[in-house]
Amino acid sequence: MSNRIKAYLKDGILILLGVASAAFGLESLLLPNAFIDGGVTGISLLLAKVTGWRLSILLLLVNIPFLILAHYVIGRTFAIKTAIAIFLLSVTLFSFHFPEVTDDKLLVAVFGGFFLGAGIGLSMRGGSVLDGTEILAIFLSRRAGLKVSDWIILINLFIFGTAAYVLSVEQSLYSMLTYFVATKSLDFVIDGIEEYTGVTIISPVHSEAIRHAIVDELGSGVTVFYGSGGHRSGGTIREVEILYTVITRLEIRKLVLLIEDVDPKAFVVMGSINDISGGMVKRRKKVH
């Protein structure tokens, strides 16, 4: 079996799991309690509440313009996968009845957001989305300026403001909680518990010792760059080794202590990394 076929099968499984999780969150928690989420899903839930139309039909109709945008903004393959994912979600909501789990507002907001966010995150790992807000935000960012995140905030402020007017301020506030939980759930599914951090280390004198400590103590790979100091010391600019390594956020404290033991004055810069591929991030220790 070729790698491409394996990749398509993996994407398909992730999309199916995402559809199942999102459908459960919508049908069992959010829709029966008139809660909404942000983005296109929130618009569909709001329209379902106001018009009485089935959510499954509205999800298809509302997402059509975003699917067209996806084709031009991101690409054909992404648009096709997204269309399939949204169609499967609509069919699932139309064909299957999920029992209402609870009417406790706090539980609905938290767990409705959790299952919906997890579903969107799983579908994103499969190369598609169940919500076209990011697609619209990318398009508006390219055409009208501002960052993508700024447009997402503006879009959702409009949605929750409309919800406060159409439903109630209380429902809107609970819906904002749903959106917050969904966002965190999505981030967890995308990044996982081992969210990666890129670390740049500059130690003019103890670079080699720090490199050996990272490799031997953490078992992580290290890339060595060569650069020059950006300020003059004694009228000369010295060349230095620049170390770069990728670790999980659970290992940050251990790395900091390792560096401090070798060179407390080392210059250290850290930055979050959404995903990695290839290379040696962690060396597996042999068990004797």
Protein backbone atom coordinates (compact mmCIF):
# COMPACT_ATOMS: atom_id res chain seq x y z
CA MET A 1 0.00 0.00 0.00
CA SER A 2 1.50 3.34 -1.05
CA ASN A 3 2.14 6.16 1.37
CA ARG A 4 -0.41 8.32 -0.45
CA ILE A 5 -3.18 5.76 0.05
CA LYS A 6 -2.24 5.39 3.71
CA ALA A 7 -2.38 9.17 4.10
CA TYR A 8 -5.84 9.33 2.49
CA LEU A 9 -7.11 6.53 4.76
CA LYS A 10 -5.74 8.31 7.83
CA ASP A 11 -7.35 11.59 6.73
CA GLY A 12 -10.65 9.80 6.13
CA ILE A 13 -10.66 8.22 9.60
CA LEU A 14 -9.85 11.55 11.25
CA ILE A 15 -12.62 13.32 9.34
CA LEU A 16 -15.15 10.61 10.28
CA LEU A 17 -14.18 10.85 13.95
CA GLY A 18 -14.42 14.63 13.74
CA VAL A 19 -17.88 14.48 12.18
CA ALA A 20 -19.10 12.06 14.88
CA SER A 21 -17.76 14.24 17.72
CA ALA A 22 -19.17 17.48 16.27
CA ALA A 23 -22.56 15.89 15.53
CA PHE A 24 -22.84 14.61 19.10
CA GLY A 25 -21.97 18.01 20.57
CA LEU A 26 -24.48 19.79 18.34
CA GLU A 27 -27.39 17.38 18.55
CA SER A 28 -27.12 16.24 22.18
CA LEU A 29 -26.03 19.46 23.85
CA LEU A 30 -26.04 22.74 21.94
CA LEU A 31 -29.12 22.61 19.71
CA PRO A 32 -31.67 21.41 22.32
CA ASN A 33 -30.57 24.19 24.69
CA ALA A 34 -30.43 26.98 22.08
CA PHE A 35 -26.70 27.48 22.55
CA ILE A 36 -24.55 28.61 19.65
CA ASP A 37 -20.87 28.55 18.81
CA GLY A 38 -18.80 31.05 16.92
CA GLY A 39 -18.22 31.08 13.19
CA VAL A 40 -20.31 29.46 10.49
CA THR A 41 -21.58 26.78 12.87
CA GLY A 42 -22.84 29.53 15.18
CA ILE A 43 -24.62 31.26 12.29
CA SER A 44 -26.29 27.97 11.34
CA LEU A 45 -27.36 27.29 14.94
CA LEU A 46 -28.75 30.82 15.24
CA LEU A 47 -30.70 30.50 11.99
CA ALA A 48 -32.02 27.10 13.08
CA LYS A 49 -33.35 28.65 16.28
CA VAL A 50 -34.93 31.64 14.50
CA THR A 51 -36.36 29.95 11.38
CA GLY A 52 -37.10 26.47 12.71
CA TRP A 53 -35.24 24.90 9.79
CA ARG A 54 -33.23 21.75 10.35
CA LEU A 55 -29.62 22.37 11.28
CA SER A 56 -28.45 19.75 8.80
CA ILE A 57 -29.89 21.71 5.86
CA LEU A 58 -28.66 25.08 7.12
CA LEU A 59 -25.11 23.80 7.56
CA LEU A 60 -25.03 22.86 3.89
CA LEU A 61 -26.57 26.11 2.66
CA VAL A 62 -24.53 28.48 4.82
CA ASN A 63 -21.26 26.75 3.99
CA ILE A 64 -21.66 26.91 0.18
CA PRO A 65 -20.05 30.35 -0.24
CA PHE A 66 -17.23 29.36 2.11
CA LEU A 67 -16.55 26.23 0.07
CA ILE A 68 -16.24 28.37 -3.05
CA LEU A 69 -13.85 30.67 -1.17
CA ALA A 70 -11.83 27.66 0.02
CA HIS A 71 -11.23 26.60 -3.59
CA TYR A 72 -9.69 29.96 -4.50
CA VAL A 73 -8.04 30.89 -1.21
CA ILE A 74 -6.48 27.55 -0.17
CA GLY A 75 -6.83 25.00 -2.96
CA ARG A 76 -8.97 22.42 -4.72
CA THR A 77 -8.03 19.40 -2.59
CA PHE A 78 -8.79 21.25 0.64
CA ALA A 79 -12.12 22.47 -0.74
CA ILE A 80 -13.13 18.93 -1.80
CA LYS A 81 -12.21 17.44 1.60
CA THR A 82 -14.08 20.23 3.38
CA ALA A 83 -17.15 19.71 1.19
CA ILE A 84 -17.12 15.99 1.99
CA ALA A 85 -16.70 16.65 5.73
CA ILE A 86 -19.56 19.16 5.85
CA PHE A 87 -21.79 16.88 3.77
CA LEU A 88 -21.10 13.96 6.12
CA LEU A 89 -21.89 16.14 9.14
CA SER A 90 -25.18 17.23 7.59
CA VAL A 91 -26.12 13.66 6.70
CA THR A 92 -25.25 12.48 10.21
CA LEU A 93 -27.39 15.18 11.81
CA PHE A 94 -30.24 14.43 9.41
CA SER A 95 -30.13 10.62 9.74
CA PHE A 96 -29.18 9.95 13.35
CA HIS A 97 -30.88 11.06 16.54
CA PHE A 98 -28.59 11.74 19.48
CA PRO A 99 -30.34 11.81 22.87
CA GLU A 100 -30.26 15.02 24.88
CA VAL A 101 -27.66 14.53 27.62
CA THR A 102 -28.41 17.37 30.04
CA ASP A 103 -30.14 20.72 30.32
CA ASP A 104 -27.67 22.14 32.84
CA LYS A 105 -26.45 25.31 31.14
CA LEU A 106 -22.90 25.18 32.41
CA LEU A 107 -22.46 21.53 31.43
CA VAL A 108 -23.98 22.22 28.01
CA ALA A 109 -21.62 25.16 27.41
CA VAL A 110 -18.50 23.28 28.54
CA PHE A 111 -19.07 19.85 27.05
CA GLY A 112 -20.90 21.10 23.96
CA GLY A 113 -17.89 23.26 23.21
CA PHE A 114 -15.52 20.39 24.00
CA PHE A 115 -17.09 17.89 21.57
CA LEU A 116 -17.60 20.49 18.85
CA GLY A 117 -14.04 21.81 19.15
CA ALA A 118 -12.63 18.28 19.20
CA GLY A 119 -14.62 17.46 16.06
CA ILE A 120 -13.35 20.52 14.21
CA GLY A 121 -9.79 19.77 15.37
CA LEU A 122 -9.93 16.14 14.18
CA SER A 123 -11.27 17.22 10.80
CA MET A 124 -8.46 19.78 10.52
CA ARG A 125 -5.91 17.06 11.18
CA GLY A 126 -7.57 15.20 8.32
CA GLY A 127 -7.04 18.15 5.97
CA SER A 128 -10.48 19.77 6.08
CA VAL A 129 -12.63 22.02 8.26
CA LEU A 130 -16.20 21.87 9.52
CA ASP A 131 -16.37 25.65 9.91
CA GLY A 132 -15.48 28.19 7.23
CA THR A 133 -14.69 31.13 9.51
CA GLU A 134 -10.93 30.79 9.06
CA ILE A 135 -11.35 30.67 5.27
CA LEU A 136 -13.33 33.92 5.30
CA ALA A 137 -10.81 35.50 7.69
CA ILE A 138 -7.89 34.59 5.39
CA PHE A 139 -9.74 36.05 2.40
CA LEU A 140 -10.58 39.30 4.21
CA SER A 141 -7.04 39.59 5.56
CA ARG A 142 -5.62 39.42 2.03
CA ARG A 143 -8.14 41.87 0.62
CA ALA A 144 -8.70 44.38 3.41
CA GLY A 145 -5.69 44.09 5.74
CA LEU A 146 -5.69 43.22 9.47
CA LYS A 147 -4.53 39.87 10.79
CA VAL A 148 -6.53 36.67 10.36
CA SER A 149 -7.06 36.46 14.13
CA ASP A 150 -8.44 40.02 14.16
CA TRP A 151 -11.03 39.15 11.53
CA ILE A 152 -12.06 36.01 13.42
CA ILE A 153 -12.63 38.10 16.55
CA LEU A 154 -14.68 40.69 14.61
CA ILE A 155 -16.82 38.00 12.94
CA ASN A 156 -17.55 36.31 16.25
CA LEU A 157 -18.31 39.60 18.00
CA PHE A 158 -20.97 40.20 15.36
CA ILE A 159 -22.39 36.68 15.82
CA PHE A 160 -22.54 36.87 19.61
CA GLY A 161 -23.95 40.40 19.48
CA THR A 162 -26.73 39.14 17.21
CA ALA A 163 -27.32 36.22 19.57
CA ALA A 164 -27.70 38.63 22.49
CA TYR A 165 -30.36 40.55 20.55
CA VAL A 166 -32.23 37.55 19.08
CA LEU A 167 -31.96 35.14 22.03
CA SER A 168 -30.89 36.81 25.26
CA VAL A 169 -27.79 38.28 26.85
CA GLU A 170 -27.53 35.21 29.11
CA GLN A 171 -27.67 32.81 26.15
CA SER A 172 -25.06 34.89 24.36
CA LEU A 173 -22.72 34.79 27.37
CA TYR A 174 -23.08 31.02 27.70
CA SER A 175 -22.46 30.73 23.96
CA MET A 176 -19.25 32.72 24.35
CA LEU A 177 -18.18 30.20 26.97
CA THR A 178 -19.00 27.43 24.51
CA TYR A 179 -16.83 29.12 21.89
CA PHE A 180 -13.95 29.53 24.34
CA VAL A 181 -14.05 25.84 25.34
CA ALA A 182 -14.35 24.78 21.69
CA THR A 183 -11.27 26.84 20.81
CA LYS A 184 -9.22 25.29 23.61
CA SER A 185 -10.44 21.81 22.70
CA LEU A 186 -9.47 22.39 19.06
CA ASP A 187 -6.00 23.61 20.08
CA PHE A 188 -5.50 20.53 22.25
CA VAL A 189 -6.46 18.18 19.42
CA ILE A 190 -4.21 20.00 16.94
CA ASP A 191 -1.18 20.53 19.22
CA GLY A 192 -1.64 17.68 21.69
CA ILE A 193 -0.23 17.54 25.19
CA GLU A 194 3.27 17.55 23.71
CA GLU A 195 3.04 21.00 22.16
CA TYR A 196 6.48 21.71 20.79
CA THR A 197 8.74 24.63 21.64
CA GLY A 198 11.69 25.80 19.58
CA VAL A 199 14.64 26.97 21.70
CA THR A 200 17.56 29.08 20.49
CA ILE A 201 20.60 29.20 22.78
CA ILE A 202 23.68 31.42 22.52
CA SER A 203 26.57 30.80 24.88
CA PRO A 204 29.90 32.16 23.53
CA VAL A 205 32.04 30.11 25.94
CA HIS A 206 30.03 27.02 26.91
CA SER A 207 28.19 26.19 23.68
CA GLU A 208 29.69 22.70 23.31
CA ALA A 209 28.97 21.77 26.93
CA ILE A 210 25.32 22.86 26.57
CA ARG A 211 24.99 20.90 23.34
CA HIS A 212 26.28 17.73 25.00
CA ALA A 213 23.96 18.26 27.98
CA ILE A 214 20.90 18.57 25.72
CA VAL A 215 21.80 15.46 23.73
CA ASP A 216 22.83 13.33 26.71
CA GLU A 217 20.36 14.50 29.39
CA LEU A 218 17.26 15.27 27.31
CA GLY A 219 17.93 12.96 24.38
CA SER A 220 16.95 15.74 21.96
CA GLY A 221 18.61 16.65 18.69
CA VAL A 222 20.52 19.93 18.34
CA THR A 223 21.23 21.98 15.23
CA VAL A 224 24.29 24.24 15.27
CA PHE A 225 24.36 27.55 13.39
CA TYR A 226 27.25 29.96 13.18
CA GLY A 227 26.78 33.70 13.54
CA SER A 228 28.38 36.92 14.72
CA GLY A 229 27.61 39.01 17.76
CA GLY A 230 25.40 42.02 17.14
CA HIS A 231 27.33 44.35 19.43
CA ARG A 232 30.98 45.27 19.77
CA SER A 233 32.97 44.12 22.77
CA GLY A 234 36.45 45.58 22.95
CA GLY A 235 36.20 46.80 19.36
CA THR A 236 35.77 43.33 17.80
CA ILE A 237 32.80 41.20 16.71
CA ARG A 238 33.18 37.57 17.73
CA GLU A 239 31.74 34.60 15.89
CA VAL A 240 29.57 32.35 18.07
CA GLU A 241 27.81 29.02 17.84
CA ILE A 242 23.99 29.24 17.90
CA LEU A 243 22.23 26.13 19.19
CA TYR A 244 18.67 25.28 18.17
CA THR A 245 16.60 22.44 19.61
CA VAL A 246 12.94 21.42 19.67
CA ILE A 247 11.43 20.09 22.90
CA THR A 248 7.98 19.53 24.36
CA ARG A 249 6.55 22.05 26.80
CA LEU A 250 6.84 19.43 29.55
CA GLU A 251 10.62 19.53 29.16
CA ILE A 252 11.08 23.31 29.29
CA ARG A 253 11.91 23.47 32.98
CA LYS A 254 14.44 20.65 32.73
CA LEU A 255 16.15 22.36 29.79
CA VAL A 256 16.33 25.70 31.63
CA LEU A 257 17.97 24.03 34.63
CA LEU A 258 20.46 22.24 32.37
CA ILE A 259 21.47 25.50 30.74
CA GLU A 260 21.73 27.34 34.06
CA ASP A 261 24.02 24.62 35.45
CA VAL A 262 26.42 25.07 32.52
CA ASP A 263 26.13 28.80 31.78
CA PRO A 264 23.73 30.98 33.83
CA LYS A 265 24.44 33.92 31.47
CA ALA A 266 23.46 32.07 28.27
CA PHE A 267 21.01 33.91 26.00
CA VAL A 268 17.87 31.75 25.51
CA VAL A 269 14.88 32.45 23.23
CA MET A 270 11.78 30.19 23.13
CA GLY A 271 8.88 30.10 20.73
CA SER A 272 5.84 27.84 20.27
CA ILE A 273 5.71 25.49 17.28
CA ASN A 274 2.36 24.26 15.98
CA ASP A 275 3.61 21.08 14.34
CA ILE A 276 6.78 19.33 13.21
CA SER A 277 7.69 16.67 10.69
CA GLY A 278 10.82 14.63 10.15
CA GLY A 279 14.17 15.05 11.87
CA MET A 280 15.06 13.81 15.33
CA VAL A 281 13.07 15.55 18.05
CA LYS A 282 13.47 12.83 20.65
CA ARG A 283 15.97 10.00 20.72
CA ARG A 284 14.47 6.79 21.99
CA LYS A 285 16.58 5.28 24.73
CA LYS A 286 17.42 1.64 24.39
CA VAL A 287 16.17 -0.68 27.07
CA HIS A 288 18.82 -3.20 28.16
